Amino acid sequence: MITRLQPIGLLIGRVVLGVVFIAHGWQKFNVNGMEATAQGFEGLGIPAPTLSAYFTVGAEILGGSLLIVGALLPLAGLWLASVMLGAMYFVHPLSGAFFSQEGGYEYVLLLAALSIAIGFSGGGALAVDSLWLNKVGDKKAEEPARVESVA
């Protein structure tokens, strides 16, 4: 029973996490604007604030989209986790509070861990990665075995 439900559980996890990341990226890109986001990053002491802003927004929007469709999951997971670990270092340091309502690192730690977990989960049967890998596996299974002669 669990095996049959696993693809649905992974799909729900991928979609929800992807939507959260896309919403945060869209807020930085469209609502606040990239210039304001870069200025905010500069005020937080984040190095190369403009480059960091584009890296972050790219990770959140593109990485979140990749999570939703289940494509390039390990790369998307690492990209998103790196952004969250950067947020934990620069914005929500471990030396501060734990709970997010107190400005702590709880939320960004959770997002980083979920990004890694889903990124390396394989995404389930309903992920593009799995569908593509299954097709590659099917093609390899159809190929006749080569017999090499020993001279």
C-alpha atoms as a PDB file:
ATOM      1  CA  MET A   1       0.000   0.000   0.000  1.00  0.00           C
ATOM      2  CA  ILE A   2       2.754   2.470   0.933  1.00  0.00           C
ATOM      3  CA  THR A   3       4.645   1.710  -2.257  1.00  0.00           C
ATOM      4  CA  ARG A   4       1.598   2.591  -4.370  1.00  0.00           C
ATOM      5  CA  LEU A   5       1.050   5.864  -2.480  1.00  0.00           C
ATOM      6  CA  GLN A   6       4.696   6.958  -2.484  1.00  0.00           C
ATOM      7  CA  PRO A   7       4.548   8.677  -5.927  1.00  0.00           C
ATOM      8  CA  ILE A   8       1.533  10.703  -4.789  1.00  0.00           C
ATOM      9  CA  GLY A   9       3.244  11.681  -1.523  1.00  0.00           C
ATOM     10  CA  LEU A  10       6.380  12.757  -3.369  1.00  0.00           C
ATOM     11  CA  LEU A  11       4.295  14.676  -5.910  1.00  0.00           C
ATOM     12  CA  ILE A  12       2.513  16.571  -3.113  1.00  0.00           C
ATOM     13  CA  GLY A  13       5.838  17.317  -1.412  1.00  0.00           C
ATOM     14  CA  ARG A  14       7.449  18.483  -4.655  1.00  0.00           C
ATOM     15  CA  VAL A  15       4.515  20.693  -5.623  1.00  0.00           C
ATOM     16  CA  VAL A  16       4.095  22.322  -2.202  1.00  0.00           C
ATOM     17  CA  LEU A  17       7.815  22.979  -1.745  1.00  0.00           C
ATOM     18  CA  GLY A  18       8.091  24.225  -5.324  1.00  0.00           C
ATOM     19  CA  VAL A  19       5.174  26.625  -4.885  1.00  0.00           C
ATOM     20  CA  VAL A  20       6.698  28.022  -1.670  1.00  0.00           C
ATOM     21  CA  PHE A  21      10.013  28.672  -3.423  1.00  0.00           C
ATOM     22  CA  ILE A  22       8.367  30.170  -6.516  1.00  0.00           C
ATOM     23  CA  ALA A  23       6.268  32.495  -4.342  1.00  0.00           C
ATOM     24  CA  HIS A  24       9.370  33.764  -2.534  1.00  0.00           C
ATOM     25  CA  GLY A  25      11.286  34.182  -5.792  1.00  0.00           C
ATOM     26  CA  TRP A  26       8.377  35.942  -7.465  1.00  0.00           C
ATOM     27  CA  GLN A  27       8.100  38.314  -4.513  1.00  0.00           C
ATOM     28  CA  LYS A  28      11.770  39.251  -4.868  1.00  0.00           C
ATOM     29  CA  PHE A  29      11.568  39.534  -8.661  1.00  0.00           C
ATOM     30  CA  ASN A  30       8.210  41.145  -9.340  1.00  0.00           C
ATOM     31  CA  VAL A  31       6.851  42.642  -6.130  1.00  0.00           C
ATOM     32  CA  ASN A  32      10.019  44.090  -4.606  1.00  0.00           C
ATOM     33  CA  GLY A  33      12.020  44.265  -7.833  1.00  0.00           C
ATOM     34  CA  MET A  34      15.550  43.056  -8.402  1.00  0.00           C
ATOM     35  CA  GLU A  35      17.121  46.406  -7.571  1.00  0.00           C
ATOM     36  CA  ALA A  36      15.384  46.541  -4.193  1.00  0.00           C
ATOM     37  CA  THR A  37      16.264  42.898  -3.566  1.00  0.00           C
ATOM     38  CA  ALA A  38      19.938  43.583  -4.334  1.00  0.00           C
ATOM     39  CA  GLN A  39      19.879  46.625  -2.042  1.00  0.00           C
ATOM     40  CA  GLY A  40      18.329  44.528   0.695  1.00  0.00           C
ATOM     41  CA  PHE A  41      21.030  41.887   0.231  1.00  0.00           C
ATOM     42  CA  GLU A  42      23.685  44.591   0.419  1.00  0.00           C
ATOM     43  CA  GLY A  43      22.188  45.869   3.678  1.00  0.00           C
ATOM     44  CA  LEU A  44      22.402  42.325   5.079  1.00  0.00           C
ATOM     45  CA  GLY A  45      26.095  42.137   4.200  1.00  0.00           C
ATOM     46  CA  ILE A  46      25.639  39.505   1.504  1.00  0.00           C
ATOM     47  CA  PRO A  47      28.638  39.552  -0.842  1.00  0.00           C
ATOM     48  CA  ALA A  48      28.095  40.504  -4.504  1.00  0.00           C
ATOM     49  CA  PRO A  49      24.517  41.542  -3.689  1.00  0.00           C
ATOM     50  CA  THR A  50      23.281  41.922  -7.278  1.00  0.00           C
ATOM     51  CA  LEU A  51      24.732  38.588  -8.377  1.00  0.00           C
ATOM     52  CA  SER A  52      23.463  36.966  -5.175  1.00  0.00           C
ATOM     53  CA  ALA A  53      19.988  38.399  -5.759  1.00  0.00           C
ATOM     54  CA  TYR A  54      19.831  36.940  -9.273  1.00  0.00           C
ATOM     55  CA  PHE A  55      21.245  33.611  -8.051  1.00  0.00           C
ATOM     56  CA  THR A  56      18.627  33.474  -5.297  1.00  0.00           C
ATOM     57  CA  VAL A  57      15.681  34.468  -7.500  1.00  0.00           C
ATOM     58  CA  GLY A  58      16.823  32.033 -10.179  1.00  0.00           C
ATOM     59  CA  ALA A  59      17.054  29.237  -7.645  1.00  0.00           C
ATOM     60  CA  GLU A  60      13.670  30.001  -6.156  1.00  0.00           C
ATOM     61  CA  ILE A  61      11.761  30.370  -9.430  1.00  0.00           C
ATOM     62  CA  LEU A  62      13.590  27.903 -11.686  1.00  0.00           C
ATOM     63  CA  GLY A  63      14.507  25.475  -8.923  1.00  0.00           C
ATOM     64  CA  GLY A  64      10.951  25.567  -7.586  1.00  0.00           C
ATOM     65  CA  SER A  65       9.615  24.872 -11.083  1.00  0.00           C
ATOM     66  CA  LEU A  66      12.027  21.959 -11.496  1.00  0.00           C
ATOM     67  CA  LEU A  67      10.798  20.534  -8.196  1.00  0.00           C
ATOM     68  CA  ILE A  68       7.183  20.727  -9.317  1.00  0.00           C
ATOM     69  CA  VAL A  69       7.765  18.838 -12.557  1.00  0.00           C
ATOM     70  CA  GLY A  70      10.371  16.571 -11.006  1.00  0.00           C
ATOM     71  CA  ALA A  71      13.209  17.397 -13.392  1.00  0.00           C
ATOM     72  CA  LEU A  72      16.921  17.584 -12.544  1.00  0.00           C
ATOM     73  CA  LEU A  73      15.938  16.995  -8.935  1.00  0.00           C
ATOM     74  CA  PRO A  74      19.404  16.548  -7.394  1.00  0.00           C
ATOM     75  CA  LEU A  75      20.637  19.790  -8.986  1.00  0.00           C
ATOM     76  CA  ALA A  76      17.469  21.680  -8.047  1.00  0.00           C
ATOM     77  CA  GLY A  77      17.669  20.366  -4.488  1.00  0.00           C
ATOM     78  CA  LEU A  78      21.298  21.404  -4.084  1.00  0.00           C
ATOM     79  CA  TRP A  79      20.664  24.818  -5.661  1.00  0.00           C
ATOM     80  CA  LEU A  80      17.742  25.542  -3.348  1.00  0.00           C
ATOM     81  CA  ALA A  81      19.508  24.157  -0.270  1.00  0.00           C
ATOM     82  CA  SER A  82      22.533  26.365  -0.975  1.00  0.00           C
ATOM     83  CA  VAL A  83      20.285  29.427  -1.067  1.00  0.00           C
ATOM     84  CA  MET A  84      18.642  28.442   2.222  1.00  0.00           C
ATOM     85  CA  LEU A  85      21.992  27.753   3.879  1.00  0.00           C
ATOM     86  CA  GLY A  86      23.132  31.182   2.701  1.00  0.00           C
ATOM     87  CA  ALA A  87      19.990  32.685   4.237  1.00  0.00           C
ATOM     88  CA  MET A  88      20.750  30.809   7.443  1.00  0.00           C
ATOM     89  CA  TYR A  89      24.278  32.209   7.507  1.00  0.00           C
ATOM     90  CA  PHE A  90      23.537  35.824   6.567  1.00  0.00           C
ATOM     91  CA  VAL A  91      19.968  36.429   7.749  1.00  0.00           C
ATOM     92  CA  HIS A  92      19.027  33.790  10.343  1.00  0.00           C
ATOM     93  CA  PRO A  93      22.310  32.793  12.045  1.00  0.00           C
ATOM     94  CA  LEU A  94      22.601  29.687  14.194  1.00  0.00           C
ATOM     95  CA  SER A  95      23.743  31.919  17.057  1.00  0.00           C
ATOM     96  CA  GLY A  96      20.314  33.582  17.051  1.00  0.00           C
ATOM     97  CA  ALA A  97      16.879  32.267  17.869  1.00  0.00           C
ATOM     98  CA  PHE A  98      15.599  28.918  16.610  1.00  0.00           C
ATOM     99  CA  PHE A  99      11.944  29.721  15.915  1.00  0.00           C
ATOM    100  CA  SER A 100      11.148  31.688  12.772  1.00  0.00           C
ATOM    101  CA  GLN A 101       8.625  33.910  14.581  1.00  0.00           C
ATOM    102  CA  GLU A 102      11.618  35.236  16.540  1.00  0.00           C
ATOM    103  CA  GLY A 103      13.715  35.723  13.394  1.00  0.00           C
ATOM    104  CA  GLY A 104      15.344  32.324  13.813  1.00  0.00           C
ATOM    105  CA  TYR A 105      16.607  29.752  11.375  1.00  0.00           C
ATOM    106  CA  GLU A 106      13.874  27.100  11.810  1.00  0.00           C
ATOM    107  CA  TYR A 107      12.109  27.800   8.492  1.00  0.00           C
ATOM    108  CA  VAL A 108      15.181  28.099   6.273  1.00  0.00           C
ATOM    109  CA  LEU A 109      16.687  24.967   7.858  1.00  0.00           C
ATOM    110  CA  LEU A 110      13.483  23.075   7.106  1.00  0.00           C
ATOM    111  CA  LEU A 111      13.431  24.306   3.495  1.00  0.00           C
ATOM    112  CA  ALA A 112      17.088  23.321   3.026  1.00  0.00           C
ATOM    113  CA  ALA A 113      16.518  19.834   4.447  1.00  0.00           C
ATOM    114  CA  LEU A 114      13.374  19.277   2.377  1.00  0.00           C
ATOM    115  CA  SER A 115      15.169  20.450  -0.767  1.00  0.00           C
ATOM    116  CA  ILE A 116      17.913  17.885  -0.219  1.00  0.00           C
ATOM    117  CA  ALA A 117      15.457  15.126   0.753  1.00  0.00           C
ATOM    118  CA  ILE A 118      13.193  15.640  -2.255  1.00  0.00           C
ATOM    119  CA  GLY A 119      16.118  16.376  -4.558  1.00  0.00           C
ATOM    120  CA  PHE A 120      17.647  12.987  -3.850  1.00  0.00           C
ATOM    121  CA  SER A 121      14.384  11.053  -3.502  1.00  0.00           C
ATOM    122  CA  GLY A 122      14.122  10.288  -7.191  1.00  0.00           C
ATOM    123  CA  GLY A 123      10.864  12.231  -7.245  1.00  0.00           C
ATOM    124  CA  GLY A 124       8.627   9.200  -7.560  1.00  0.00           C
ATOM    125  CA  ALA A 125       6.975   7.673 -10.604  1.00  0.00           C
ATOM    126  CA  LEU A 126       5.210  10.967 -11.420  1.00  0.00           C
ATOM    127  CA  ALA A 127       8.458  12.939 -11.856  1.00  0.00           C
ATOM    128  CA  VAL A 128       9.993  13.825 -15.223  1.00  0.00           C
ATOM    129  CA  ASP A 129      13.308  12.392 -13.998  1.00  0.00           C
ATOM    130  CA  SER A 130      11.679   9.028 -13.274  1.00  0.00           C
ATOM    131  CA  LEU A 131       9.744   8.966 -16.529  1.00  0.00           C
ATOM    132  CA  TRP A 132      12.893   9.766 -18.492  1.00  0.00           C
ATOM    133  CA  LEU A 133      15.040   7.269 -16.581  1.00  0.00           C
ATOM    134  CA  ASN A 134      12.397   4.575 -17.076  1.00  0.00           C
ATOM    135  CA  LYS A 135      12.438   5.190 -20.856  1.00  0.00           C
ATOM    136  CA  VAL A 136      16.236   5.005 -20.912  1.00  0.00           C
ATOM    137  CA  GLY A 137      16.088   1.777 -18.901  1.00  0.00           C
ATOM    138  CA  ASP A 138      13.455   0.319 -21.240  1.00  0.00           C
ATOM    139  CA  LYS A 139      15.602   1.110 -24.299  1.00  0.00           C
ATOM    140  CA  LYS A 140      18.642  -0.536 -22.715  1.00  0.00           C
ATOM    141  CA  ALA A 141      16.593  -3.615 -21.859  1.00  0.00           C
ATOM    142  CA  GLU A 142      15.442  -3.878 -25.487  1.00  0.00           C
ATOM    143  CA  GLU A 143      18.993  -3.739 -26.895  1.00  0.00           C
ATOM    144  CA  PRO A 144      20.464  -7.144 -27.679  1.00  0.00           C
ATOM    145  CA  ALA A 145      23.503  -8.096 -25.679  1.00  0.00           C
ATOM    146  CA  ARG A 146      26.756  -7.752 -27.582  1.00  0.00           C
ATOM    147  CA  VAL A 147      29.012 -10.713 -27.787  1.00  0.00           C
ATOM    148  CA  GLU A 148      32.636  -9.867 -28.236  1.00  0.00           C
ATOM    149  CA  SER A 149      34.998 -12.414 -29.645  1.00  0.00           C
ATOM    150  CA  VAL A 150      38.212 -13.148 -27.865  1.00  0.00           C
ATOM    151  CA  ALA A 151      41.127 -13.201 -30.283  1.00  0.00           C
END
